[in-house]
Amino acid sequence: MNSAVLIFGLVFVLDRISKNLIVKLLPYGYGVNIIGEYVRIVHIRNPNSLWGMSLGKNFPYIIVSIIAIVFLSALIRDALKSKERSYANIFSLIVSGVAGNLMDRIHFKEVVDFIDIGISADVRWPVFNVADSAISIGLVIYFIMVIRESFAKRSEK
């Protein structure tokens, strides 16, 4: 099986299962400490984008998500054709997160977030989910690879 397909499937299913468990087992607005106040599981809904950033009340999140999925799918296809499996895997990681959050927007009209980390009650990262993590990790790895390739090309000159 293609590793990009496997990555997509695993991350997408993990995202769906984790969100469904949160919705079924934890009432909206409630939280449970996992590691003191440092790591908590909470049930919130996010009508905005990644990490709660608002792009406006009428921003077409569903349409933009669909466009992103089509674009990333084309990048995956091109990466696989050119034997760039690492890029295909990275884009697959990102598209799995976009697809997971899109499913929430279609089903709930907003995204289910539940991972809450911080060092105190006042210093916290925005609450996120598995899909957000996949998008963020994929983008960080992509930018690291692009920067490394750029430096490698410069050193060849």
Protein backbone atom coordinates (compact mmCIF):
# COMPACT_ATOMS: atom_id res chain seq x y z
CA MET A 1 0.00 0.00 0.00
CA ASN A 2 1.14 3.51 -0.78
CA SER A 3 2.50 5.24 2.35
CA ALA A 4 0.69 8.50 1.52
CA VAL A 5 -2.64 6.67 1.45
CA LEU A 6 -1.77 4.90 4.71
CA ILE A 7 -0.85 8.20 6.40
CA PHE A 8 -4.07 9.80 5.22
CA GLY A 9 -6.17 6.87 6.40
CA LEU A 10 -4.55 6.56 9.82
CA VAL A 11 -4.63 10.27 10.65
CA PHE A 12 -8.14 10.79 9.28
CA VAL A 13 -9.54 7.81 11.21
CA LEU A 14 -7.71 8.82 14.42
CA ASP A 15 -9.12 12.33 14.08
CA ARG A 16 -12.68 11.08 13.50
CA ILE A 17 -12.56 8.55 16.35
CA SER A 18 -11.06 11.02 18.83
CA LYS A 19 -13.65 13.70 18.03
CA ASN A 20 -16.54 11.25 18.18
CA LEU A 21 -15.36 10.03 21.58
CA ILE A 22 -15.12 13.60 22.88
CA VAL A 23 -18.63 14.44 21.64
CA LYS A 24 -20.12 11.25 23.11
CA LEU A 25 -18.25 11.09 26.42
CA LEU A 26 -17.49 14.66 27.48
CA PRO A 27 -20.27 17.25 27.79
CA TYR A 28 -19.72 20.46 25.86
CA GLY A 29 -17.67 22.96 27.87
CA TYR A 30 -16.31 20.41 30.35
CA GLY A 31 -12.70 19.38 30.77
CA VAL A 32 -10.58 16.72 32.41
CA ASN A 33 -7.04 17.21 33.66
CA ILE A 34 -4.68 14.60 32.22
CA ILE A 35 -1.35 15.94 33.50
CA GLY A 36 -2.36 18.53 36.08
CA GLU A 37 -3.14 21.87 34.46
CA TYR A 38 -0.47 21.23 31.81
CA VAL A 39 -2.47 18.87 29.60
CA ARG A 40 -6.26 18.81 29.63
CA ILE A 41 -8.97 17.26 27.49
CA VAL A 42 -11.84 19.71 26.99
CA HIS A 43 -14.87 19.72 24.73
CA ILE A 44 -15.17 22.96 22.82
CA ARG A 45 -16.37 23.95 19.37
CA ASN A 46 -14.42 26.24 17.10
CA PRO A 47 -16.29 28.10 14.33
CA ASN A 48 -13.02 29.63 13.12
CA SER A 49 -9.87 28.26 11.52
CA LEU A 50 -6.71 26.65 12.90
CA TRP A 51 -6.12 27.54 16.57
CA GLY A 52 -9.27 29.66 16.65
CA MET A 53 -8.01 32.34 14.26
CA SER A 54 -11.03 34.11 12.78
CA LEU A 55 -11.04 34.95 9.09
CA GLY A 56 -14.41 36.67 9.38
CA LYS A 57 -17.96 35.66 10.21
CA ASN A 58 -18.90 34.87 6.61
CA PHE A 59 -15.61 33.32 5.53
CA PRO A 60 -16.33 30.27 3.32
CA TYR A 61 -14.37 27.68 5.34
CA ILE A 62 -16.02 24.71 3.60
CA ILE A 63 -15.27 26.00 0.10
CA VAL A 64 -11.67 26.86 0.99
CA SER A 65 -11.24 23.41 2.57
CA ILE A 66 -12.50 21.69 -0.58
CA ILE A 67 -10.17 23.78 -2.75
CA ALA A 68 -7.26 22.93 -0.43
CA ILE A 69 -8.06 19.21 -0.63
CA VAL A 70 -8.17 19.32 -4.44
CA PHE A 71 -4.90 21.29 -4.58
CA LEU A 72 -3.11 19.05 -2.07
CA SER A 73 -4.37 15.93 -3.83
CA ALA A 74 -2.84 17.21 -7.07
CA LEU A 75 0.44 17.84 -5.22
CA ILE A 76 0.35 14.29 -3.83
CA ARG A 77 -0.26 12.85 -7.30
CA ASP A 78 2.60 14.90 -8.79
CA ALA A 79 4.94 13.98 -5.95
CA LEU A 80 4.18 10.28 -6.42
CA LYS A 81 4.73 10.53 -10.19
CA SER A 82 8.12 12.15 -9.65
CA LYS A 83 9.08 9.61 -6.95
CA GLU A 84 9.12 12.28 -4.24
CA ARG A 85 7.52 10.07 -1.59
CA SER A 86 8.51 12.33 1.29
CA TYR A 87 6.57 15.24 -0.23
CA ALA A 88 3.61 12.97 -0.98
CA ASN A 89 3.61 11.86 2.67
CA ILE A 90 3.82 15.43 3.97
CA PHE A 91 0.98 16.63 1.71
CA SER A 92 -1.05 13.57 2.75
CA LEU A 93 -0.57 14.48 6.41
CA ILE A 94 -1.82 18.01 5.73
CA VAL A 95 -4.79 16.92 3.59
CA SER A 96 -5.87 14.41 6.24
CA GLY A 97 -6.16 17.27 8.72
CA VAL A 98 -8.03 19.50 6.30
CA ALA A 99 -10.42 16.64 5.50
CA GLY A 100 -10.99 15.86 9.19
CA ASN A 101 -11.89 19.45 10.02
CA LEU A 102 -14.03 19.69 6.87
CA MET A 103 -16.08 16.73 8.08
CA ASP A 104 -16.72 18.59 11.35
CA ARG A 105 -17.80 21.74 9.51
CA ILE A 106 -20.24 19.73 7.41
CA HIS A 107 -21.60 17.71 10.36
CA PHE A 108 -21.45 20.19 13.26
CA LYS A 109 -21.10 23.53 11.40
CA GLU A 110 -17.92 24.06 13.44
CA VAL A 111 -14.83 22.09 14.47
CA VAL A 112 -14.56 19.94 17.60
CA ASP A 113 -11.38 20.83 19.52
CA PHE A 114 -10.27 19.08 22.68
CA ILE A 115 -6.49 19.13 23.35
CA ASP A 116 -5.67 21.91 25.80
CA ILE A 117 -2.04 22.49 26.82
CA GLY A 118 -0.37 25.22 28.82
CA ILE A 119 1.76 26.08 31.81
CA SER A 120 -0.93 27.82 33.86
CA ALA A 121 -4.58 28.83 33.69
CA ASP A 122 -3.52 32.07 31.98
CA VAL A 123 -0.76 30.79 29.66
CA ARG A 124 -2.31 28.27 27.27
CA TRP A 125 -2.00 27.29 23.62
CA PRO A 126 -5.29 27.53 21.71
CA VAL A 127 -7.28 24.30 22.07
CA PHE A 128 -6.74 22.01 19.07
CA ASN A 129 -7.40 18.51 17.73
CA VAL A 130 -5.67 15.70 15.81
CA ALA A 131 -6.48 17.31 12.45
CA ASP A 132 -4.94 20.63 13.53
CA SER A 133 -1.83 18.75 14.68
CA ALA A 134 -1.54 16.98 11.32
CA ILE A 135 -1.80 20.27 9.43
CA SER A 136 0.72 22.01 11.70
CA ILE A 137 3.25 19.16 11.75
CA GLY A 138 2.96 18.70 7.99
CA LEU A 139 3.54 22.41 7.33
CA VAL A 140 6.54 22.57 9.69
CA ILE A 141 8.15 19.52 8.05
CA TYR A 142 7.43 20.93 4.58
CA PHE A 143 9.06 24.28 5.38
CA ILE A 144 12.08 22.56 6.95
CA MET A 145 12.51 20.45 3.81
CA VAL A 146 12.20 23.48 1.53
CA ILE A 147 14.75 25.43 3.58
CA ARG A 148 17.17 22.46 3.64
CA GLU A 149 16.88 22.05 -0.13
CA SER A 150 17.45 25.76 -0.61
CA PHE A 151 20.64 25.65 1.48
CA ALA A 152 21.81 22.50 -0.33
CA LYS A 153 21.38 24.20 -3.71
CA ARG A 154 23.29 27.27 -2.48
CA SER A 155 26.18 25.18 -1.23
CA GLU A 156 26.44 23.42 -4.59
CA LYS A 157 27.18 26.75 -6.33
